[in-house]
Each structure stands twice: as C-alpha cells, then as structure tokens.
Amino acid sequence: MIDDAALVLSELLSNSCRHARALAHQEVHASWEQNDQGEVRISVTDGGGPTLPAPATPSVTARGGRGLAIIRSLARDWGVRAESFPGPVTVWAVLGGEQPA
C-alpha cells in the first residue's frame, strides 16, 4: 500500500501543479492520515483551476490525462471538495482498510 499511496500523492500533486493556482504564499497543502481500520486518506488542496477536477479519456497517444484514472483504479474511494467555485479545491483519496462487503 505504501507504493500505491506514494503514486496517488504524486499524481495529486502533479495535477495540482499543472492545472491549478497555488494558495496564499504560493503554497499547495498535502496531507495524509491513517485510521484504526488501516485506511490511508491522502488530500491535496490548492487554489483551484478553471474547472473542477474530473477523470479524462485521453487518446492512446496523449502525453497526459491519466492521473485521476490512476487514482480511481488504486483508491477505494476518492473525490473533490470545493466549498465555493472558483476557490480552493481539495482532491482526496482513500486507500486500504476493509473492503466493502
């Protein structure tokens, strides 16, 4: 799960740097936490971009556009939180823990 978490964090940070504005002081916030059930929640918050993050369907030859699809395939759950748009956006993913029955 460590490799998956590192890849998810890398994709979230890469997407933030490529598609969004920074928060105040040119910052992007990354966080992670593990709960008692073994779930790891990874979050990246930035200043938002022109659109909300959504998985793309890139062509076979496209050089990008697969980040959220990778996250979706590795994470048990994921989502986007934006209290007001435009404004700060948090993309989060949950890995591990007990699988739903």
C-alpha atoms as a PDB file:
ATOM      1  CA  MET A   1       0.000   0.000   0.000  1.00  0.00           C
ATOM      2  CA  ILE A   2       2.955   2.345   0.526  1.00  0.00           C
ATOM      3  CA  ASP A   3       3.786   2.296  -3.195  1.00  0.00           C
ATOM      4  CA  ASP A   4       0.146   2.968  -4.108  1.00  0.00           C
ATOM      5  CA  ALA A   5      -0.059   5.835  -1.597  1.00  0.00           C
ATOM      6  CA  ALA A   6       3.150   7.376  -2.949  1.00  0.00           C
ATOM      7  CA  LEU A   7       1.821   7.158  -6.519  1.00  0.00           C
ATOM      8  CA  VAL A   8      -1.550   8.678  -5.552  1.00  0.00           C
ATOM      9  CA  LEU A   9       0.167  11.537  -3.718  1.00  0.00           C
ATOM     10  CA  SER A  10       2.456  12.117  -6.699  1.00  0.00           C
ATOM     11  CA  GLU A  11      -0.486  12.222  -9.115  1.00  0.00           C
ATOM     12  CA  LEU A  12      -2.480  14.588  -6.890  1.00  0.00           C
ATOM     13  CA  LEU A  13       0.482  16.954  -6.514  1.00  0.00           C
ATOM     14  CA  SER A  14       1.297  16.795 -10.222  1.00  0.00           C
ATOM     15  CA  ASN A  15      -2.304  17.593 -11.164  1.00  0.00           C
ATOM     16  CA  SER A  16      -2.343  20.478  -8.715  1.00  0.00           C
ATOM     17  CA  CYS A  17       0.877  21.979 -10.060  1.00  0.00           C
ATOM     18  CA  ARG A  18      -0.212  21.550 -13.666  1.00  0.00           C
ATOM     19  CA  HIS A  19      -3.874  22.577 -13.559  1.00  0.00           C
ATOM     20  CA  ALA A  20      -4.460  24.833 -10.540  1.00  0.00           C
ATOM     21  CA  ARG A  21      -3.373  28.023  -8.860  1.00  0.00           C
ATOM     22  CA  ALA A  22      -1.458  28.000  -5.613  1.00  0.00           C
ATOM     23  CA  LEU A  23      -2.959  29.021  -2.306  1.00  0.00           C
ATOM     24  CA  ALA A  24      -1.667  32.108  -0.481  1.00  0.00           C
ATOM     25  CA  HIS A  25       2.126  32.341  -0.252  1.00  0.00           C
ATOM     26  CA  GLN A  26       2.459  30.121  -3.364  1.00  0.00           C
ATOM     27  CA  GLU A  27       1.548  27.015  -1.343  1.00  0.00           C
ATOM     28  CA  VAL A  28      -0.200  23.731  -2.046  1.00  0.00           C
ATOM     29  CA  HIS A  29      -1.163  21.667   1.022  1.00  0.00           C
ATOM     30  CA  ALA A  30      -0.701  17.891   1.095  1.00  0.00           C
ATOM     31  CA  SER A  31      -1.793  15.702   3.988  1.00  0.00           C
ATOM     32  CA  TRP A  32      -2.276  12.083   4.830  1.00  0.00           C
ATOM     33  CA  GLU A  33      -3.592  10.167   7.816  1.00  0.00           C
ATOM     34  CA  GLN A  34      -4.216   6.550   8.756  1.00  0.00           C
ATOM     35  CA  ASN A  35      -7.190   5.486  10.863  1.00  0.00           C
ATOM     36  CA  ASP A  36      -7.680   2.451  13.125  1.00  0.00           C
ATOM     37  CA  GLN A  37      -9.119   0.384  10.256  1.00  0.00           C
ATOM     38  CA  GLY A  38      -5.914   0.782   8.237  1.00  0.00           C
ATOM     39  CA  GLU A  39      -7.365   3.267   5.766  1.00  0.00           C
ATOM     40  CA  VAL A  40      -4.979   5.929   4.491  1.00  0.00           C
ATOM     41  CA  ARG A  41      -6.583   9.206   3.401  1.00  0.00           C
ATOM     42  CA  ILE A  42      -4.459  11.427   1.161  1.00  0.00           C
ATOM     43  CA  SER A  43      -5.522  15.001   0.358  1.00  0.00           C
ATOM     44  CA  VAL A  44      -4.087  17.830  -1.712  1.00  0.00           C
ATOM     45  CA  THR A  45      -5.552  21.340  -1.502  1.00  0.00           C
ATOM     46  CA  ASP A  46      -4.741  24.109  -3.964  1.00  0.00           C
ATOM     47  CA  GLY A  47      -6.232  27.398  -5.091  1.00  0.00           C
ATOM     48  CA  GLY A  48      -8.391  25.772  -7.753  1.00  0.00           C
ATOM     49  CA  GLY A  49      -8.303  25.998 -11.514  1.00  0.00           C
ATOM     50  CA  PRO A  50     -10.613  26.970 -14.344  1.00  0.00           C
ATOM     51  CA  THR A  51     -12.624  23.737 -13.926  1.00  0.00           C
ATOM     52  CA  LEU A  52     -13.148  21.163 -11.191  1.00  0.00           C
ATOM     53  CA  PRO A  53     -11.000  18.019 -11.445  1.00  0.00           C
ATOM     54  CA  ALA A  54     -12.647  15.155 -13.348  1.00  0.00           C
ATOM     55  CA  PRO A  55     -11.274  11.973 -14.933  1.00  0.00           C
ATOM     56  CA  ALA A  56     -10.418  12.354 -18.617  1.00  0.00           C
ATOM     57  CA  THR A  57     -10.480   9.897 -21.500  1.00  0.00           C
ATOM     58  CA  PRO A  58      -7.203  10.614 -23.276  1.00  0.00           C
ATOM     59  CA  SER A  59      -6.276   9.150 -26.621  1.00  0.00           C
ATOM     60  CA  VAL A  60      -3.762   6.306 -26.734  1.00  0.00           C
ATOM     61  CA  THR A  61      -1.045   8.732 -27.874  1.00  0.00           C
ATOM     62  CA  ALA A  62      -1.854  11.523 -25.397  1.00  0.00           C
ATOM     63  CA  ARG A  63       1.043  12.522 -23.138  1.00  0.00           C
ATOM     64  CA  GLY A  64      -1.184  13.135 -20.114  1.00  0.00           C
ATOM     65  CA  GLY A  65      -4.720  12.987 -18.800  1.00  0.00           C
ATOM     66  CA  ARG A  66      -4.498   9.692 -16.926  1.00  0.00           C
ATOM     67  CA  GLY A  67      -3.809  10.912 -13.373  1.00  0.00           C
ATOM     68  CA  LEU A  68      -7.320  10.716 -11.953  1.00  0.00           C
ATOM     69  CA  ALA A  69      -7.939   7.399 -13.728  1.00  0.00           C
ATOM     70  CA  ILE A  70      -4.837   6.026 -11.999  1.00  0.00           C
ATOM     71  CA  ILE A  71      -6.063   7.356  -8.657  1.00  0.00           C
ATOM     72  CA  ARG A  72      -9.538   5.905  -9.264  1.00  0.00           C
ATOM     73  CA  SER A  73      -8.038   2.477 -10.014  1.00  0.00           C
ATOM     74  CA  LEU A  74      -5.854   2.432  -6.875  1.00  0.00           C
ATOM     75  CA  ALA A  75      -8.153   4.095  -4.346  1.00  0.00           C
ATOM     76  CA  ARG A  76     -11.118   2.538  -2.570  1.00  0.00           C
ATOM     77  CA  ASP A  77     -12.789   5.943  -2.732  1.00  0.00           C
ATOM     78  CA  TRP A  78     -11.870   9.424  -3.939  1.00  0.00           C
ATOM     79  CA  GLY A  79     -13.495  12.770  -4.524  1.00  0.00           C
ATOM     80  CA  VAL A  80     -13.289  16.519  -4.942  1.00  0.00           C
ATOM     81  CA  ARG A  81     -14.292  19.075  -2.329  1.00  0.00           C
ATOM     82  CA  ALA A  82     -14.794  22.720  -3.281  1.00  0.00           C
ATOM     83  CA  GLU A  83     -16.676  24.897  -0.814  1.00  0.00           C
ATOM     84  CA  SER A  84     -17.113  27.644  -3.389  1.00  0.00           C
ATOM     85  CA  PHE A  85     -16.110  27.647  -7.021  1.00  0.00           C
ATOM     86  CA  PRO A  86     -13.883  29.269  -8.046  1.00  0.00           C
ATOM     87  CA  GLY A  87     -11.808  28.924  -4.913  1.00  0.00           C
ATOM     88  CA  PRO A  88      -9.721  26.365  -3.035  1.00  0.00           C
ATOM     89  CA  VAL A  89     -10.172  22.756  -4.118  1.00  0.00           C
ATOM     90  CA  THR A  90      -9.245  19.578  -2.257  1.00  0.00           C
ATOM     91  CA  VAL A  91      -8.870  16.270  -4.068  1.00  0.00           C
ATOM     92  CA  TRP A  92      -8.733  13.273  -1.734  1.00  0.00           C
ATOM     93  CA  ALA A  93      -8.335   9.514  -1.988  1.00  0.00           C
ATOM     94  CA  VAL A  94      -8.750   6.649   0.485  1.00  0.00           C
ATOM     95  CA  LEU A  95      -6.609   3.532   0.186  1.00  0.00           C
ATOM     96  CA  GLY A  96      -6.622   0.289   2.136  1.00  0.00           C
ATOM     97  CA  GLY A  97      -8.830  -0.620   5.050  1.00  0.00           C
ATOM     98  CA  GLU A  98     -11.575  -3.173   4.936  1.00  0.00           C
ATOM     99  CA  GLN A  99     -13.201  -3.653   1.565  1.00  0.00           C
ATOM    100  CA  PRO A 100     -16.982  -3.164   1.468  1.00  0.00           C
ATOM    101  CA  ALA A 101     -18.980  -6.431   1.532  1.00  0.00           C
END
